[in-house]
Amino acid sequence: MFVSFEGIDRAGKTTQAAQLAESLGPGTLLLREPGGTEAGERLRELLKDPSLELALRSELLLFCAARAELVERVIRPALSDGIHVVCDRFADSTVAYQGAGRGLGVARVAAINEVALAGTQPDLTLLLRIEPEGAADRGQQRLAGGIADGEDRFEGQGIAFQRRVAEAYDEIAAADPKRVVVVDAERSIAEVQADVLAAVRARGERDLSPDEGGAKAPAALGSKGDR
């Protein structure tokens, strides 16, 4: 099973992706975007640097280049070997951030994305939904608690930018409800995790049952996270 996590900045994607990977078992491959390959990690350094000015089209193509490497060298081989893959962001992020947030056009960015994806799509995408104002409050709470917020070129774009991104994510979810499950991320980590596990369990029972191509469903899913 290939699961991706999406949502605006500070929605809790990294935490939930790590918890899901642990629940799926030690053989699960936990990835982040951009990154996951040597080339991808180098591109990540460029893309996460708020001091580096990039043309918007350059930014878009760098994200897609990192994704193409990840798909070709890591994700597709892992799925072919029957390994669960959990990814902290994937293609929807580029549609939402570059297409809507940056104003490059959702349809245009989606078309460019297809070149990088080469037909590879998550079986399930978990959209962690939080209002931009609530996400900003989380950042302030981290700073007040003495925790570095790690603000990058996107987190510093302001509420209006994050709102455009959030609206694009809602449109993506509405257009593809079979793949995208919306999870209320305004709640506690444990409450969000419970909904994440329930969604993955339901998708596993539907798509990964033993009588469908011999795939193995994650029957014990949640045994760690529910403790």
Protein backbone atom coordinates (compact mmCIF):
# COMPACT_ATOMS: atom_id res chain seq x y z
CA MET A 1 0.00 0.00 0.00
CA PHE A 2 1.16 3.50 -0.90
CA VAL A 3 -0.12 6.20 1.48
CA SER A 4 0.60 9.91 1.19
CA PHE A 5 -0.05 12.69 3.70
CA GLU A 6 -1.07 16.14 2.57
CA GLY A 7 -2.09 19.43 4.14
CA ILE A 8 -0.93 22.97 4.71
CA ASP A 9 2.14 23.75 6.78
CA ARG A 10 1.95 22.77 10.46
CA ALA A 11 -1.00 20.42 9.90
CA GLY A 12 0.90 17.57 11.58
CA LYS A 13 1.81 15.52 8.50
CA THR A 14 5.32 14.53 9.59
CA THR A 15 4.13 13.29 12.99
CA GLN A 16 1.24 11.29 11.57
CA ALA A 17 3.32 9.81 8.74
CA ALA A 18 5.91 8.55 11.22
CA GLN A 19 3.25 7.06 13.48
CA LEU A 20 1.54 5.31 10.59
CA ALA A 21 4.83 3.86 9.33
CA GLU A 22 5.47 2.47 12.81
CA SER A 23 1.98 0.96 12.94
CA LEU A 24 2.38 -0.68 9.53
CA GLY A 25 5.50 -2.49 10.71
CA PRO A 26 9.30 -2.37 10.52
CA GLY A 27 9.41 -3.12 6.80
CA THR A 28 7.48 0.03 5.94
CA LEU A 29 9.30 2.66 3.90
CA LEU A 30 8.87 6.17 5.31
CA LEU A 31 9.68 8.95 2.84
CA ARG A 32 9.46 12.72 2.65
CA GLU A 33 9.13 15.12 -0.24
CA PRO A 34 11.22 16.57 -1.59
CA GLY A 35 13.91 14.06 -0.70
CA GLY A 36 14.38 10.33 -0.38
CA THR A 37 17.21 10.06 -2.91
CA GLU A 38 20.64 11.65 -3.15
CA ALA A 39 19.46 14.03 -5.85
CA GLY A 40 16.21 14.67 -4.03
CA GLU A 41 17.92 15.62 -0.79
CA ARG A 42 20.19 18.07 -2.60
CA LEU A 43 17.19 19.62 -4.31
CA ARG A 44 15.44 19.78 -0.93
CA GLU A 45 18.23 21.94 0.45
CA LEU A 46 17.68 24.41 -2.37
CA LEU A 47 13.90 24.40 -2.13
CA LYS A 48 13.76 24.74 1.65
CA ASP A 49 16.20 27.67 1.74
CA PRO A 50 14.11 30.86 2.17
CA SER A 51 17.10 33.03 1.31
CA LEU A 52 17.44 31.56 -2.18
CA GLU A 53 15.39 33.35 -4.82
CA LEU A 54 13.89 31.06 -7.43
CA ALA A 55 11.70 31.81 -10.42
CA LEU A 56 8.29 30.21 -9.84
CA ARG A 57 8.66 27.89 -12.83
CA SER A 58 12.11 26.86 -11.62
CA GLU A 59 10.66 26.02 -8.21
CA LEU A 60 7.94 23.92 -9.83
CA LEU A 61 10.36 21.98 -12.03
CA LEU A 62 12.77 21.33 -9.15
CA PHE A 63 9.94 19.77 -7.12
CA CYS A 64 8.97 17.63 -10.09
CA ALA A 65 12.57 16.59 -10.71
CA ALA A 66 12.94 15.45 -7.09
CA ARG A 67 9.65 13.55 -7.37
CA ALA A 68 10.66 11.83 -10.62
CA GLU A 69 13.83 10.55 -8.92
CA LEU A 70 11.87 9.33 -5.89
CA VAL A 71 9.27 7.54 -7.98
CA GLU A 72 11.77 5.90 -10.31
CA ARG A 73 14.45 4.90 -7.80
CA VAL A 74 12.51 4.26 -4.60
CA ILE A 75 8.71 4.15 -4.69
CA ARG A 76 8.07 1.94 -7.73
CA PRO A 77 10.74 -0.65 -6.78
CA ALA A 78 9.39 -0.78 -3.21
CA LEU A 79 5.80 -1.28 -4.34
CA SER A 80 6.92 -3.97 -6.79
CA ASP A 81 8.50 -5.79 -3.83
CA GLY A 82 5.28 -5.58 -1.81
CA ILE A 83 6.63 -2.99 0.63
CA HIS A 84 4.28 -0.47 2.25
CA VAL A 85 5.25 3.12 1.40
CA VAL A 86 4.28 6.15 3.50
CA CYS A 87 5.17 9.56 2.10
CA ASP A 88 5.11 12.92 3.87
CA ARG A 89 3.75 14.97 0.92
CA PHE A 90 3.50 13.89 -2.70
CA ALA A 91 2.14 15.23 -5.98
CA ASP A 92 -0.92 16.98 -4.54
CA SER A 93 1.39 19.35 -2.68
CA THR A 94 2.77 20.70 -5.93
CA VAL A 95 -0.70 21.19 -7.37
CA ALA A 96 -1.83 23.03 -4.24
CA TYR A 97 1.31 25.08 -3.52
CA GLN A 98 2.66 25.86 -6.97
CA GLY A 99 -0.60 25.59 -8.91
CA ALA A 100 -2.89 27.51 -6.54
CA GLY A 101 -0.62 29.12 -3.96
CA ARG A 102 1.92 30.46 -6.45
CA GLY A 103 -0.70 31.03 -9.14
CA LEU A 104 0.89 28.90 -11.85
CA GLY A 105 -2.43 27.18 -12.57
CA VAL A 106 -3.74 23.92 -11.14
CA ALA A 107 -4.34 22.24 -14.52
CA ARG A 108 -0.96 23.31 -15.83
CA VAL A 109 0.91 22.02 -12.78
CA ALA A 110 -1.07 18.76 -12.74
CA ALA A 111 -0.06 18.11 -16.35
CA ILE A 112 3.64 18.69 -15.58
CA ASN A 113 3.30 16.48 -12.52
CA GLU A 114 2.21 13.58 -14.71
CA VAL A 115 5.64 13.45 -16.32
CA ALA A 116 7.28 12.96 -12.92
CA LEU A 117 4.69 10.45 -11.71
CA ALA A 118 4.82 8.12 -14.72
CA GLY A 119 1.45 6.73 -13.68
CA THR A 120 2.34 6.24 -10.01
CA GLN A 121 -0.35 7.41 -7.58
CA PRO A 122 -0.98 6.73 -3.88
CA ASP A 123 -3.60 4.14 -3.01
CA LEU A 124 -4.72 6.49 -0.25
CA THR A 125 -4.07 10.15 0.45
CA LEU A 126 -4.80 11.50 3.92
CA LEU A 127 -5.52 15.21 3.83
CA LEU A 128 -4.94 16.64 7.30
CA ARG A 129 -7.25 19.62 7.32
CA ILE A 130 -6.59 22.59 9.56
CA GLU A 131 -7.57 26.23 9.19
CA PRO A 132 -4.63 28.45 8.22
CA GLU A 133 -5.16 30.59 11.32
CA GLY A 134 -4.97 27.51 13.54
CA ALA A 135 -1.79 26.40 11.80
CA ALA A 136 -0.24 29.82 12.38
CA ASP A 137 -1.16 29.59 16.06
CA ARG A 138 0.68 26.28 16.27
CA GLY A 139 3.79 27.97 14.93
CA GLN A 140 3.53 30.71 17.53
CA GLN A 141 3.01 28.15 20.29
CA ARG A 142 6.17 26.34 19.25
CA LEU A 143 8.17 29.54 19.34
CA ALA A 144 6.69 30.47 22.73
CA GLY A 145 7.73 27.06 24.02
CA GLY A 146 11.29 27.57 22.85
CA ILE A 147 10.93 25.15 19.94
CA ALA A 148 12.37 26.19 16.58
CA ASP A 149 9.53 26.44 14.08
CA GLY A 150 11.74 25.75 11.07
CA GLU A 151 9.98 28.31 8.89
CA ASP A 152 10.79 27.86 5.20
CA ARG A 153 9.94 29.70 1.98
CA PHE A 154 6.29 28.57 2.17
CA GLU A 155 5.54 28.85 5.88
CA GLY A 156 6.59 32.49 5.72
CA GLN A 157 4.17 33.39 2.91
CA GLY A 158 1.35 34.40 5.25
CA ILE A 159 -2.27 33.47 5.86
CA ALA A 160 -3.59 34.45 2.42
CA PHE A 161 -1.13 32.11 0.71
CA GLN A 162 -1.93 29.24 3.08
CA ARG A 163 -5.65 29.86 2.52
CA ARG A 164 -5.24 29.49 -1.26
CA VAL A 165 -3.35 26.26 -0.69
CA ALA A 166 -6.01 24.97 1.72
CA GLU A 167 -8.78 25.73 -0.76
CA ALA A 168 -6.89 23.90 -3.49
CA TYR A 169 -6.55 20.86 -1.23
CA ASP A 170 -10.30 20.91 -0.59
CA GLU A 171 -10.89 20.94 -4.35
CA ILE A 172 -8.49 18.03 -4.84
CA ALA A 173 -10.33 16.02 -2.18
CA ALA A 174 -13.73 16.80 -3.71
CA ALA A 175 -12.51 15.78 -7.18
CA ASP A 176 -11.02 12.45 -6.05
CA PRO A 177 -12.97 11.19 -3.01
CA LYS A 178 -12.02 7.54 -3.60
CA ARG A 179 -8.35 8.32 -3.06
CA VAL A 180 -8.41 11.32 -0.73
CA VAL A 181 -9.74 11.04 2.83
CA VAL A 182 -10.06 14.27 4.77
CA VAL A 183 -9.06 14.10 8.44
CA ASP A 184 -9.81 16.89 10.92
CA ALA A 185 -6.34 17.90 12.11
CA GLU A 186 -7.54 20.55 14.56
CA ARG A 187 -7.69 17.88 17.28
CA SER A 188 -5.08 16.13 19.40
CA ILE A 189 -2.36 13.95 17.87
CA ALA A 190 -3.99 10.82 19.32
CA GLU A 191 -7.42 11.67 17.91
CA VAL A 192 -6.00 12.36 14.46
CA GLN A 193 -3.97 9.16 14.58
CA ALA A 194 -7.10 7.14 15.37
CA ASP A 195 -8.82 8.46 12.24
CA VAL A 196 -5.69 7.88 10.15
CA LEU A 197 -5.47 4.27 11.26
CA ALA A 198 -9.19 3.74 10.64
CA ALA A 199 -8.89 5.12 7.10
CA VAL A 200 -5.86 2.98 6.28
CA ARG A 201 -7.48 -0.09 7.78
CA ALA A 202 -10.62 0.47 5.71
CA ARG A 203 -8.61 0.96 2.52
CA GLY A 204 -6.54 -2.12 3.27
CA GLU A 205 -9.65 -4.23 3.69
CA ARG A 206 -11.09 -2.89 0.45
CA ASP A 207 -8.04 -2.88 -1.82
CA LEU A 208 -5.49 -5.24 -0.25
CA SER A 209 -7.61 -8.24 0.68
CA PRO A 210 -5.92 -11.63 0.02
CA ASP A 211 -8.38 -12.55 -2.72
CA GLU A 212 -7.34 -9.54 -4.82
CA GLY A 213 -4.11 -10.52 -6.49
CA GLY A 214 -2.78 -12.21 -3.39
CA ALA A 215 -1.92 -8.90 -1.72
CA LYS A 216 -1.66 -8.96 2.05
CA ALA A 217 -3.95 -6.69 4.03
CA PRO A 218 -2.56 -4.97 7.13
CA ALA A 219 -4.80 -7.00 9.45
CA ALA A 220 -2.92 -6.05 12.62
CA LEU A 221 -2.83 -2.37 11.79
CA GLY A 222 -3.24 -0.16 14.81
CA SER A 223 -1.90 -2.64 17.37
CA LYS A 224 0.93 -0.25 18.27
CA GLY A 225 -0.84 3.05 17.81
CA ASP A 226 -3.89 1.98 19.89
CA ARG A 227 -1.85 1.24 23.01
